[in-house]
Amino acid sequence: MTPPFQKVALIGLGLIAGSMAHAMREQGLAERISGHARSAATRETAAEIGLVDEVTETAAEAVRDADLVVLAVPVGAMAEVAAEIAPHLAPGAILTDVGSVKQAVIDAVAPHVPAGVHFIPGHPLAGTEHSGPRSGFATLFRNRWWLLTPLPDTDPAALDRLESLIRAMGANVDTMEPPHHDLVLAVTSHAPHLIAYTMVGVADHLRRVTESEVIRYSAAGFRDFTRIAASDPTMWRDVFLHNKEATLDILGRFAEELFVLQRAIRMGDGQHLHDYFTRTRAIRRGIIEAGQDTAAPDFGRSAKAD
């Protein structure tokens, strides 16, 4: 059976791109996979472990003759990479990305896309706190959502082709408008990450609690915060700088909610706290019922699971 793509080029060789490489090989979705990373050390590691069929010195070399190109670099690097690869993209190729912000990526990449190349922005809602070329695994996307934000003139056949590939890697696919995507992700990912970073930072600055006590006596809540806060700092710096408005909107709403809870605690309003926690607990049950997590005590997570 002929693979749906003859050559896939992965620009960036971290967790997401690496997992795509593993999944595509496992499912026979690409004849060849090339890859490029800015870091020489990353390229050396990728070549050493055989992550892709060919590791190139430049992004331009990687995309040559590729019928699918995936930009898996930090959002802040998208424009520079797009400008570099644009003259070397094959006519009819599909260009997508895996960035956590969509409108900023469209603004950065779309001006460089030559006529005849199908740019379809995307975002897989999957990940772990691990990064680098050794962190990927084939089942990362299984039963996770992969959001696409096609442009108004997106070719339906190219969109169908990309959606088929994503489903073949085990993910569910949905489409939405870029601004709506950025607002949704500000709620479900961006603001929670910033809150996690903040809570870990608070513990670091609270000198009445020693570092050894924070580590030794970490309860489940703080432990989960540290797992989230261990994520790639470059990626998250760029996410917040490029999804500023939506993140600030959600953080403002969070501050208002927090003030109400502070008042309830101060006033001893146990009924308000109980009612509030009951409502929020229902959201957790909904996530489990939707198959996006498990009720297992360890959340069903292994060292390489989300």
C-alpha atoms as a PDB file:
ATOM      1  CA  MET A   1       0.000   0.000   0.000  1.00  0.00           C
ATOM      2  CA  THR A   2       1.368   3.403  -0.999  1.00  0.00           C
ATOM      3  CA  PRO A   3       1.793   5.793   1.965  1.00  0.00           C
ATOM      4  CA  PRO A   4      -0.432   8.895   1.789  1.00  0.00           C
ATOM      5  CA  PHE A   5       2.648  11.151   1.849  1.00  0.00           C
ATOM      6  CA  GLN A   6       5.854  10.549  -0.050  1.00  0.00           C
ATOM      7  CA  LYS A   7       8.027  12.889   2.020  1.00  0.00           C
ATOM      8  CA  VAL A   8       7.256  14.606   5.304  1.00  0.00           C
ATOM      9  CA  ALA A   9       9.577  17.337   6.571  1.00  0.00           C
ATOM     10  CA  LEU A  10       9.632  18.070  10.291  1.00  0.00           C
ATOM     11  CA  ILE A  11      11.126  21.450  11.186  1.00  0.00           C
ATOM     12  CA  GLY A  12      11.927  21.166  14.873  1.00  0.00           C
ATOM     13  CA  LEU A  13      12.621  17.773  16.423  1.00  0.00           C
ATOM     14  CA  GLY A  14      11.133  17.903  19.909  1.00  0.00           C
ATOM     15  CA  LEU A  15       8.294  16.034  21.589  1.00  0.00           C
ATOM     16  CA  ILE A  16       5.530  16.735  19.055  1.00  0.00           C
ATOM     17  CA  ALA A  17       7.579  16.286  15.881  1.00  0.00           C
ATOM     18  CA  GLY A  18       9.288  13.221  17.337  1.00  0.00           C
ATOM     19  CA  SER A  19       5.937  11.687  18.257  1.00  0.00           C
ATOM     20  CA  MET A  20       4.662  12.402  14.751  1.00  0.00           C
ATOM     21  CA  ALA A  21       7.691  10.625  13.301  1.00  0.00           C
ATOM     22  CA  HIS A  22       7.089   7.573  15.486  1.00  0.00           C
ATOM     23  CA  ALA A  23       3.351   7.522  14.756  1.00  0.00           C
ATOM     24  CA  MET A  24       3.784   7.960  10.998  1.00  0.00           C
ATOM     25  CA  ARG A  25       6.325   5.149  10.853  1.00  0.00           C
ATOM     26  CA  GLU A  26       4.172   2.860  12.967  1.00  0.00           C
ATOM     27  CA  GLN A  27       1.159   3.444  10.708  1.00  0.00           C
ATOM     28  CA  GLY A  28       3.086   3.588   7.409  1.00  0.00           C
ATOM     29  CA  LEU A  29       1.972   7.137   6.627  1.00  0.00           C
ATOM     30  CA  ALA A  30       5.123   8.469   4.945  1.00  0.00           C
ATOM     31  CA  GLU A  31       7.608   7.017   2.478  1.00  0.00           C
ATOM     32  CA  ARG A  32      10.385   9.218   3.891  1.00  0.00           C
ATOM     33  CA  ILE A  33      10.740  11.625   6.808  1.00  0.00           C
ATOM     34  CA  SER A  34      13.315  14.394   6.905  1.00  0.00           C
ATOM     35  CA  GLY A  35      14.006  16.628   9.852  1.00  0.00           C
ATOM     36  CA  HIS A  36      15.863  19.740  10.903  1.00  0.00           C
ATOM     37  CA  ALA A  37      16.512  21.421  14.237  1.00  0.00           C
ATOM     38  CA  ARG A  38      18.327  24.665  14.890  1.00  0.00           C
ATOM     39  CA  SER A  39      20.503  23.087  17.585  1.00  0.00           C
ATOM     40  CA  ALA A  40      23.411  21.002  16.358  1.00  0.00           C
ATOM     41  CA  ALA A  41      23.165  18.871  19.497  1.00  0.00           C
ATOM     42  CA  THR A  42      19.517  18.111  18.731  1.00  0.00           C
ATOM     43  CA  ARG A  43      20.378  17.187  15.149  1.00  0.00           C
ATOM     44  CA  GLU A  44      23.134  14.880  16.348  1.00  0.00           C
ATOM     45  CA  THR A  45      20.825  13.145  18.813  1.00  0.00           C
ATOM     46  CA  ALA A  46      18.073  12.762  16.219  1.00  0.00           C
ATOM     47  CA  ALA A  47      20.528  11.199  13.781  1.00  0.00           C
ATOM     48  CA  GLU A  48      21.980   8.943  16.474  1.00  0.00           C
ATOM     49  CA  ILE A  49      18.597   7.471  17.452  1.00  0.00           C
ATOM     50  CA  GLY A  50      17.287   7.337  13.875  1.00  0.00           C
ATOM     51  CA  LEU A  51      14.345   9.570  14.657  1.00  0.00           C
ATOM     52  CA  VAL A  52      13.926  10.457  10.977  1.00  0.00           C
ATOM     53  CA  ASP A  53      15.343   9.094   7.744  1.00  0.00           C
ATOM     54  CA  GLU A  54      17.430  12.182   7.084  1.00  0.00           C
ATOM     55  CA  VAL A  55      18.612  14.998   9.368  1.00  0.00           C
ATOM     56  CA  THR A  56      19.560  18.118   7.428  1.00  0.00           C
ATOM     57  CA  GLU A  57      21.751  21.067   8.282  1.00  0.00           C
ATOM     58  CA  THR A  58      19.132  23.586   7.161  1.00  0.00           C
ATOM     59  CA  ALA A  59      15.358  23.815   7.094  1.00  0.00           C
ATOM     60  CA  ALA A  60      15.504  24.597   3.369  1.00  0.00           C
ATOM     61  CA  GLU A  61      17.165  21.243   2.680  1.00  0.00           C
ATOM     62  CA  ALA A  62      14.615  19.389   4.801  1.00  0.00           C
ATOM     63  CA  VAL A  63      11.561  20.709   2.938  1.00  0.00           C
ATOM     64  CA  ARG A  64      12.867  20.124  -0.581  1.00  0.00           C
ATOM     65  CA  ASP A  65      10.403  17.857  -2.484  1.00  0.00           C
ATOM     66  CA  ALA A  66       8.270  17.335   0.650  1.00  0.00           C
ATOM     67  CA  ASP A  67       4.523  17.036   0.144  1.00  0.00           C
ATOM     68  CA  LEU A  68       3.922  17.738   3.857  1.00  0.00           C
ATOM     69  CA  VAL A  69       5.904  20.237   5.938  1.00  0.00           C
ATOM     70  CA  VAL A  70       5.330  20.582   9.686  1.00  0.00           C
ATOM     71  CA  LEU A  71       6.589  23.629  11.582  1.00  0.00           C
ATOM     72  CA  ALA A  72       7.281  22.389  15.122  1.00  0.00           C
ATOM     73  CA  VAL A  73       9.272  25.352  16.396  1.00  0.00           C
ATOM     74  CA  PRO A  74       8.439  27.961  19.064  1.00  0.00           C
ATOM     75  CA  VAL A  75       5.842  30.490  17.947  1.00  0.00           C
ATOM     76  CA  GLY A  76       8.402  33.283  18.046  1.00  0.00           C
ATOM     77  CA  ALA A  77      10.556  31.481  15.456  1.00  0.00           C
ATOM     78  CA  MET A  78       7.769  30.811  12.935  1.00  0.00           C
ATOM     79  CA  ALA A  79       8.274  33.896  10.750  1.00  0.00           C
ATOM     80  CA  GLU A  80      12.017  33.366  10.337  1.00  0.00           C
ATOM     81  CA  VAL A  81      11.606  29.687   9.469  1.00  0.00           C
ATOM     82  CA  ALA A  82       8.743  30.386   7.049  1.00  0.00           C
ATOM     83  CA  ALA A  83      10.834  32.967   5.223  1.00  0.00           C
ATOM     84  CA  GLU A  84      13.728  30.503   4.926  1.00  0.00           C
ATOM     85  CA  ILE A  85      11.742  27.580   3.565  1.00  0.00           C
ATOM     86  CA  ALA A  86       9.273  29.469   1.339  1.00  0.00           C
ATOM     87  CA  PRO A  87      11.400  29.433  -1.857  1.00  0.00           C
ATOM     88  CA  HIS A  88      11.988  25.688  -1.464  1.00  0.00           C
ATOM     89  CA  LEU A  89       8.418  24.477  -0.883  1.00  0.00           C
ATOM     90  CA  ALA A  90       7.100  22.152  -3.565  1.00  0.00           C
ATOM     91  CA  PRO A  91       3.976  23.190  -5.498  1.00  0.00           C
ATOM     92  CA  GLY A  92       0.933  21.454  -4.027  1.00  0.00           C
ATOM     93  CA  ALA A  93       2.636  20.792  -0.687  1.00  0.00           C
ATOM     94  CA  ILE A  94       0.718  21.085   2.565  1.00  0.00           C
ATOM     95  CA  LEU A  95       2.285  23.342   5.184  1.00  0.00           C
ATOM     96  CA  THR A  96       1.038  23.072   8.752  1.00  0.00           C
ATOM     97  CA  ASP A  97       2.278  23.848  12.241  1.00  0.00           C
ATOM     98  CA  VAL A  98       1.784  22.616  15.805  1.00  0.00           C
ATOM     99  CA  GLY A  99       1.892  25.922  17.662  1.00  0.00           C
ATOM    100  CA  SER A 100      -0.261  26.574  20.730  1.00  0.00           C
ATOM    101  CA  VAL A 101      -1.326  29.973  19.355  1.00  0.00           C
ATOM    102  CA  LYS A 102      -2.960  30.298  15.971  1.00  0.00           C
ATOM    103  CA  GLN A 103      -3.646  33.921  14.984  1.00  0.00           C
ATOM    104  CA  ALA A 104      -0.039  34.962  15.662  1.00  0.00           C
ATOM    105  CA  VAL A 105       1.239  31.993  13.645  1.00  0.00           C
ATOM    106  CA  ILE A 106      -1.030  32.879  10.732  1.00  0.00           C
ATOM    107  CA  ASP A 107       0.186  36.482  10.843  1.00  0.00           C
ATOM    108  CA  ALA A 108       3.813  35.289  10.900  1.00  0.00           C
ATOM    109  CA  VAL A 109       3.674  32.508   8.311  1.00  0.00           C
ATOM    110  CA  ALA A 110       0.939  33.313   5.772  1.00  0.00           C
ATOM    111  CA  PRO A 111       2.750  36.269   4.116  1.00  0.00           C
ATOM    112  CA  HIS A 112       5.615  33.929   3.157  1.00  0.00           C
ATOM    113  CA  VAL A 113       3.573  31.051   1.716  1.00  0.00           C
ATOM    114  CA  PRO A 114       3.941  30.888  -2.071  1.00  0.00           C
ATOM    115  CA  ALA A 115       0.992  30.355  -4.394  1.00  0.00           C
ATOM    116  CA  GLY A 116       0.129  26.700  -4.838  1.00  0.00           C
ATOM    117  CA  VAL A 117       1.176  25.694  -1.300  1.00  0.00           C
ATOM    118  CA  HIS A 118      -1.652  24.836   1.109  1.00  0.00           C
ATOM    119  CA  PHE A 119      -1.119  26.438   4.525  1.00  0.00           C
ATOM    120  CA  ILE A 120      -3.361  24.825   7.162  1.00  0.00           C
ATOM    121  CA  PRO A 121      -2.507  25.920  10.731  1.00  0.00           C
ATOM    122  CA  GLY A 122      -2.922  23.266  13.397  1.00  0.00           C
ATOM    123  CA  HIS A 123      -2.482  22.475  17.070  1.00  0.00           C
ATOM    124  CA  PRO A 124      -2.369  18.992  18.643  1.00  0.00           C
ATOM    125  CA  LEU A 125      -3.704  19.125  22.210  1.00  0.00           C
ATOM    126  CA  ALA A 126      -1.212  16.591  23.466  1.00  0.00           C
ATOM    127  CA  GLY A 127       2.052  16.759  25.323  1.00  0.00           C
ATOM    128  CA  THR A 128       4.065  15.993  28.397  1.00  0.00           C
ATOM    129  CA  GLU A 129       6.545  17.985  30.431  1.00  0.00           C
ATOM    130  CA  HIS A 130       9.376  16.277  28.532  1.00  0.00           C
ATOM    131  CA  SER A 131      11.105  17.815  25.527  1.00  0.00           C
ATOM    132  CA  GLY A 132      13.825  17.015  23.035  1.00  0.00           C
ATOM    133  CA  PRO A 133      14.269  14.369  20.314  1.00  0.00           C
ATOM    134  CA  ARG A 134      14.233  11.452  22.765  1.00  0.00           C
ATOM    135  CA  SER A 135      10.891  12.446  24.314  1.00  0.00           C
ATOM    136  CA  GLY A 136       8.508  11.442  21.521  1.00  0.00           C
ATOM    137  CA  PHE A 137       6.398   8.288  21.379  1.00  0.00           C
ATOM    138  CA  ALA A 138       3.920   6.929  18.852  1.00  0.00           C
ATOM    139  CA  THR A 139       0.826   6.940  21.062  1.00  0.00           C
ATOM    140  CA  LEU A 140       1.030  10.579  22.205  1.00  0.00           C
ATOM    141  CA  PHE A 141      -1.901  11.664  20.025  1.00  0.00           C
ATOM    142  CA  ARG A 142      -4.189   8.718  20.671  1.00  0.00           C
ATOM    143  CA  ASN A 143      -7.707   9.974  21.514  1.00  0.00           C
ATOM    144  CA  ARG A 144      -6.402  13.531  21.864  1.00  0.00           C
ATOM    145  CA  TRP A 145      -7.836  16.475  19.933  1.00  0.00           C
ATOM    146  CA  TRP A 146      -5.961  18.074  17.056  1.00  0.00           C
ATOM    147  CA  LEU A 147      -7.419  21.470  16.199  1.00  0.00           C
ATOM    148  CA  LEU A 148      -7.107  22.932  12.714  1.00  0.00           C
ATOM    149  CA  THR A 149      -7.800  26.569  11.837  1.00  0.00           C
ATOM    150  CA  PRO A 150      -8.067  26.546   8.037  1.00  0.00           C
ATOM    151  CA  LEU A 151      -7.963  29.854   6.198  1.00  0.00           C
ATOM    152  CA  PRO A 152     -10.943  31.076   4.144  1.00  0.00           C
ATOM    153  CA  ASP A 153      -9.364  29.950   0.854  1.00  0.00           C
ATOM    154  CA  THR A 154      -8.129  26.561   2.118  1.00  0.00           C
ATOM    155  CA  ASP A 155      -8.443  23.822  -0.500  1.00  0.00           C
ATOM    156  CA  PRO A 156     -10.953  21.211   0.770  1.00  0.00           C
ATOM    157  CA  ALA A 157      -8.961  18.320  -0.723  1.00  0.00           C
ATOM    158  CA  ALA A 158      -5.788  19.416   1.094  1.00  0.00           C
ATOM    159  CA  LEU A 159      -7.738  19.798   4.339  1.00  0.00           C
ATOM    160  CA  ASP A 160      -9.210  16.299   3.953  1.00  0.00           C
ATOM    161  CA  ARG A 161      -5.758  14.881   3.283  1.00  0.00           C
ATOM    162  CA  LEU A 162      -4.296  16.455   6.426  1.00  0.00           C
ATOM    163  CA  GLU A 163      -7.273  15.408   8.541  1.00  0.00           C
ATOM    164  CA  SER A 164      -6.894  11.807   7.338  1.00  0.00           C
ATOM    165  CA  LEU A 165      -3.245  11.778   8.370  1.00  0.00           C
ATOM    166  CA  ILE A 166      -4.063  13.158  11.815  1.00  0.00           C
ATOM    167  CA  ARG A 167      -6.787  10.575  12.375  1.00  0.00           C
ATOM    168  CA  ALA A 168      -4.425   7.827  11.241  1.00  0.00           C
ATOM    169  CA  MET A 169      -2.058   8.897  14.032  1.00  0.00           C
ATOM    170  CA  GLY A 170      -4.891   8.290  16.509  1.00  0.00           C
ATOM    171  CA  ALA A 171      -6.142  11.826  17.127  1.00  0.00           C
ATOM    172  CA  ASN A 172      -9.586  13.376  16.881  1.00  0.00           C
ATOM    173  CA  VAL A 173      -9.890  16.393  14.565  1.00  0.00           C
ATOM    174  CA  ASP A 174     -11.913  19.568  14.864  1.00  0.00           C
ATOM    175  CA  THR A 175     -11.780  22.938  13.125  1.00  0.00           C
ATOM    176  CA  MET A 176     -12.393  26.428  14.502  1.00  0.00           C
ATOM    177  CA  GLU A 177     -11.682  30.082  13.849  1.00  0.00           C
ATOM    178  CA  PRO A 178      -8.183  31.212  14.936  1.00  0.00           C
ATOM    179  CA  PRO A 179      -9.329  33.860  17.496  1.00  0.00           C
ATOM    180  CA  HIS A 180     -11.721  31.368  19.073  1.00  0.00           C
ATOM    181  CA  HIS A 181      -8.943  28.785  19.275  1.00  0.00           C
ATOM    182  CA  ASP A 182      -6.717  31.270  21.090  1.00  0.00           C
ATOM    183  CA  LEU A 183      -9.448  32.089  23.617  1.00  0.00           C
ATOM    184  CA  VAL A 184     -10.262  28.420  24.256  1.00  0.00           C
ATOM    185  CA  LEU A 185      -6.606  27.587  24.779  1.00  0.00           C
ATOM    186  CA  ALA A 186      -6.139  30.562  27.084  1.00  0.00           C
ATOM    187  CA  VAL A 187      -8.742  28.908  29.333  1.00  0.00           C
ATOM    188  CA  THR A 188      -7.704  25.270  29.004  1.00  0.00           C
ATOM    189  CA  SER A 189      -3.928  25.575  28.750  1.00  0.00           C
ATOM    190  CA  HIS A 190      -2.236  28.964  28.759  1.00  0.00           C
ATOM    191  CA  ALA A 191      -3.643  30.480  31.964  1.00  0.00           C
ATOM    192  CA  PRO A 192      -3.348  27.157  33.887  1.00  0.00           C
ATOM    193  CA  HIS A 193       0.309  26.945  32.910  1.00  0.00           C
ATOM    194  CA  LEU A 194       0.952  30.504  34.057  1.00  0.00           C
ATOM    195  CA  ILE A 195      -0.815  29.793  37.357  1.00  0.00           C
ATOM    196  CA  ALA A 196       1.297  26.654  37.805  1.00  0.00           C
ATOM    197  CA  TYR A 197       4.505  28.595  37.152  1.00  0.00           C
ATOM    198  CA  THR A 198       3.339  31.209  39.663  1.00  0.00           C
ATOM    199  CA  MET A 199       2.521  28.705  42.406  1.00  0.00           C
ATOM    200  CA  VAL A 200       5.900  27.030  42.076  1.00  0.00           C
ATOM    201  CA  GLY A 201       7.492  30.476  42.122  1.00  0.00           C
ATOM    202  CA  VAL A 202       5.599  31.346  45.314  1.00  0.00           C
ATOM    203  CA  ALA A 203       6.947  28.208  46.989  1.00  0.00           C
ATOM    204  CA  ASP A 204      10.447  29.126  45.865  1.00  0.00           C
ATOM    205  CA  HIS A 205      10.166  32.599  47.432  1.00  0.00           C
ATOM    206  CA  LEU A 206       8.476  31.560  50.659  1.00  0.00           C
ATOM    207  CA  ARG A 207      11.561  31.371  52.840  1.00  0.00           C
ATOM    208  CA  ARG A 208       9.600  30.105  55.837  1.00  0.00           C
ATOM    209  CA  VAL A 209       9.281  26.826  53.906  1.00  0.00           C
ATOM    210  CA  THR A 210      12.642  25.345  53.021  1.00  0.00           C
ATOM    211  CA  GLU A 211      13.385  23.830  49.625  1.00  0.00           C
ATOM    212  CA  SER A 212      13.816  20.397  51.177  1.00  0.00           C
ATOM    213  CA  GLU A 213      10.369  20.624  52.803  1.00  0.00           C
ATOM    214  CA  VAL A 214       8.730  21.682  49.531  1.00  0.00           C
ATOM    215  CA  ILE A 215      10.274  18.695  47.761  1.00  0.00           C
ATOM    216  CA  ARG A 216       9.835  16.156  50.569  1.00  0.00           C
ATOM    217  CA  TYR A 217       6.272  16.994  51.525  1.00  0.00           C
ATOM    218  CA  SER A 218       4.817  17.808  48.103  1.00  0.00           C
ATOM    219  CA  ALA A 219       1.171  16.803  48.091  1.00  0.00           C
ATOM    220  CA  ALA A 220      -0.641  15.864  44.884  1.00  0.00           C
ATOM    221  CA  GLY A 221      -1.738  19.422  44.052  1.00  0.00           C
ATOM    222  CA  PHE A 222       1.716  20.961  44.220  1.00  0.00           C
ATOM    223  CA  ARG A 223       3.235  17.906  42.541  1.00  0.00           C
ATOM    224  CA  ASP A 224       0.920  18.436  39.539  1.00  0.00           C
ATOM    225  CA  PHE A 225       1.813  22.133  39.457  1.00  0.00           C
ATOM    226  CA  THR A 226       5.508  21.251  39.247  1.00  0.00           C
ATOM    227  CA  ARG A 227       4.818  18.783  36.426  1.00  0.00           C
ATOM    228  CA  ILE A 228       3.144  21.528  34.397  1.00  0.00           C
ATOM    229  CA  ALA A 229       5.793  24.088  35.346  1.00  0.00           C
ATOM    230  CA  ALA A 230       8.529  21.789  34.046  1.00  0.00           C
ATOM    231  CA  SER A 231       7.413  22.450  30.445  1.00  0.00           C
ATOM    232  CA  ASP A 232       9.698  23.997  27.838  1.00  0.00           C
ATOM    233  CA  PRO A 233      10.347  27.616  28.947  1.00  0.00           C
ATOM    234  CA  THR A 234      11.074  28.905  25.430  1.00  0.00           C
ATOM    235  CA  MET A 235       7.815  27.551  24.057  1.00  0.00           C
ATOM    236  CA  TRP A 236       5.764  28.978  26.921  1.00  0.00           C
ATOM    237  CA  ARG A 237       7.472  32.362  26.818  1.00  0.00           C
ATOM    238  CA  ASP A 238       6.424  32.640  23.168  1.00  0.00           C
ATOM    239  CA  VAL A 239       2.893  31.406  23.866  1.00  0.00           C
ATOM    240  CA  PHE A 240       2.236  34.154  26.399  1.00  0.00           C
ATOM    241  CA  LEU A 241       3.822  36.885  24.289  1.00  0.00           C
ATOM    242  CA  HIS A 242       1.791  35.857  21.223  1.00  0.00           C
ATOM    243  CA  ASN A 243      -1.558  35.157  22.888  1.00  0.00           C
ATOM    244  CA  LYS A 244      -1.415  38.215  25.116  1.00  0.00           C
ATOM    245  CA  GLU A 245      -4.978  39.517  24.866  1.00  0.00           C
ATOM    246  CA  ALA A 246      -6.790  36.230  25.458  1.00  0.00           C
ATOM    247  CA  THR A 247      -4.458  35.216  28.290  1.00  0.00           C
ATOM    248  CA  LEU A 248      -4.821  38.577  30.054  1.00  0.00           C
ATOM    249  CA  ASP A 249      -8.606  38.346  29.657  1.00  0.00           C
ATOM    250  CA  ILE A 250      -8.706  34.935  31.339  1.00  0.00           C
ATOM    251  CA  LEU A 251      -6.239  35.967  34.043  1.00  0.00           C
ATOM    252  CA  GLY A 252      -8.467  38.950  34.844  1.00  0.00           C
ATOM    253  CA  ARG A 253     -11.461  36.665  35.229  1.00  0.00           C
ATOM    254  CA  PHE A 254      -9.356  34.310  37.355  1.00  0.00           C
ATOM    255  CA  ALA A 255      -8.364  37.184  39.653  1.00  0.00           C
ATOM    256  CA  GLU A 256     -12.041  38.108  40.104  1.00  0.00           C
ATOM    257  CA  GLU A 257     -12.967  34.516  40.971  1.00  0.00           C
ATOM    258  CA  LEU A 258     -10.028  34.292  43.361  1.00  0.00           C
ATOM    259  CA  PHE A 259     -11.147  37.462  45.131  1.00  0.00           C
ATOM    260  CA  VAL A 260     -14.624  35.972  45.670  1.00  0.00           C
ATOM    261  CA  LEU A 261     -13.079  32.821  47.145  1.00  0.00           C
ATOM    262  CA  GLN A 262     -10.767  34.871  49.355  1.00  0.00           C
ATOM    263  CA  ARG A 263     -13.790  36.704  50.722  1.00  0.00           C
ATOM    264  CA  ALA A 264     -15.658  33.433  51.345  1.00  0.00           C
ATOM    265  CA  ILE A 265     -12.700  32.040  53.290  1.00  0.00           C
ATOM    266  CA  ARG A 266     -12.271  35.257  55.250  1.00  0.00           C
ATOM    267  CA  MET A 267     -15.985  35.405  56.115  1.00  0.00           C
ATOM    268  CA  GLY A 268     -16.230  31.711  56.916  1.00  0.00           C
ATOM    269  CA  ASP A 269     -18.795  31.168  54.163  1.00  0.00           C
ATOM    270  CA  GLY A 270     -18.555  27.392  53.959  1.00  0.00           C
ATOM    271  CA  GLN A 271     -21.732  27.047  51.892  1.00  0.00           C
ATOM    272  CA  HIS A 272     -20.316  29.222  49.112  1.00  0.00           C
ATOM    273  CA  LEU A 273     -17.086  27.224  49.071  1.00  0.00           C
ATOM    274  CA  HIS A 274     -18.946  23.906  49.028  1.00  0.00           C
ATOM    275  CA  ASP A 275     -21.248  24.999  46.195  1.00  0.00           C
ATOM    276  CA  TYR A 276     -18.338  26.383  44.169  1.00  0.00           C
ATOM    277  CA  PHE A 277     -16.247  23.222  44.545  1.00  0.00           C
ATOM    278  CA  THR A 278     -19.272  21.075  43.655  1.00  0.00           C
ATOM    279  CA  ARG A 279     -19.709  22.942  40.371  1.00  0.00           C
ATOM    280  CA  THR A 280     -16.039  22.738  39.478  1.00  0.00           C
ATOM    281  CA  ARG A 281     -15.880  19.052  40.406  1.00  0.00           C
ATOM    282  CA  ALA A 282     -18.474  18.376  37.716  1.00  0.00           C
ATOM    283  CA  ILE A 283     -16.062  19.724  35.082  1.00  0.00           C
ATOM    284  CA  ARG A 284     -13.487  17.149  36.158  1.00  0.00           C
ATOM    285  CA  ARG A 285     -16.070  14.386  35.781  1.00  0.00           C
ATOM    286  CA  GLY A 286     -16.880  15.694  32.307  1.00  0.00           C
ATOM    287  CA  ILE A 287     -13.221  15.497  31.262  1.00  0.00           C
ATOM    288  CA  ILE A 288     -13.040  11.870  32.413  1.00  0.00           C
ATOM    289  CA  GLU A 289     -16.337  10.976  30.703  1.00  0.00           C
ATOM    290  CA  ALA A 290     -15.054  12.532  27.466  1.00  0.00           C
ATOM    291  CA  GLY A 291     -12.082  10.159  27.568  1.00  0.00           C
ATOM    292  CA  GLN A 292      -9.536  12.962  27.979  1.00  0.00           C
ATOM    293  CA  ASP A 293      -8.223  11.623  31.308  1.00  0.00           C
ATOM    294  CA  THR A 294      -8.736   8.799  33.752  1.00  0.00           C
ATOM    295  CA  ALA A 295      -9.939   8.615  37.339  1.00  0.00           C
ATOM    296  CA  ALA A 296      -6.947   6.431  38.311  1.00  0.00           C
ATOM    297  CA  PRO A 297      -5.079   7.703  41.420  1.00  0.00           C
ATOM    298  CA  ASP A 298      -2.013   8.544  39.328  1.00  0.00           C
ATOM    299  CA  PHE A 299      -4.212   9.828  36.450  1.00  0.00           C
ATOM    300  CA  GLY A 300      -3.040   6.756  34.534  1.00  0.00           C
ATOM    301  CA  ARG A 301       0.166   8.541  33.654  1.00  0.00           C
ATOM    302  CA  SER A 302       3.488   6.853  33.072  1.00  0.00           C
ATOM    303  CA  ALA A 303       6.803   8.650  32.664  1.00  0.00           C
ATOM    304  CA  LYS A 304       5.895   9.387  29.031  1.00  0.00           C
ATOM    305  CA  ALA A 305       2.182  10.011  29.228  1.00  0.00           C
ATOM    306  CA  ASP A 306       0.294  13.263  29.422  1.00  0.00           C
END
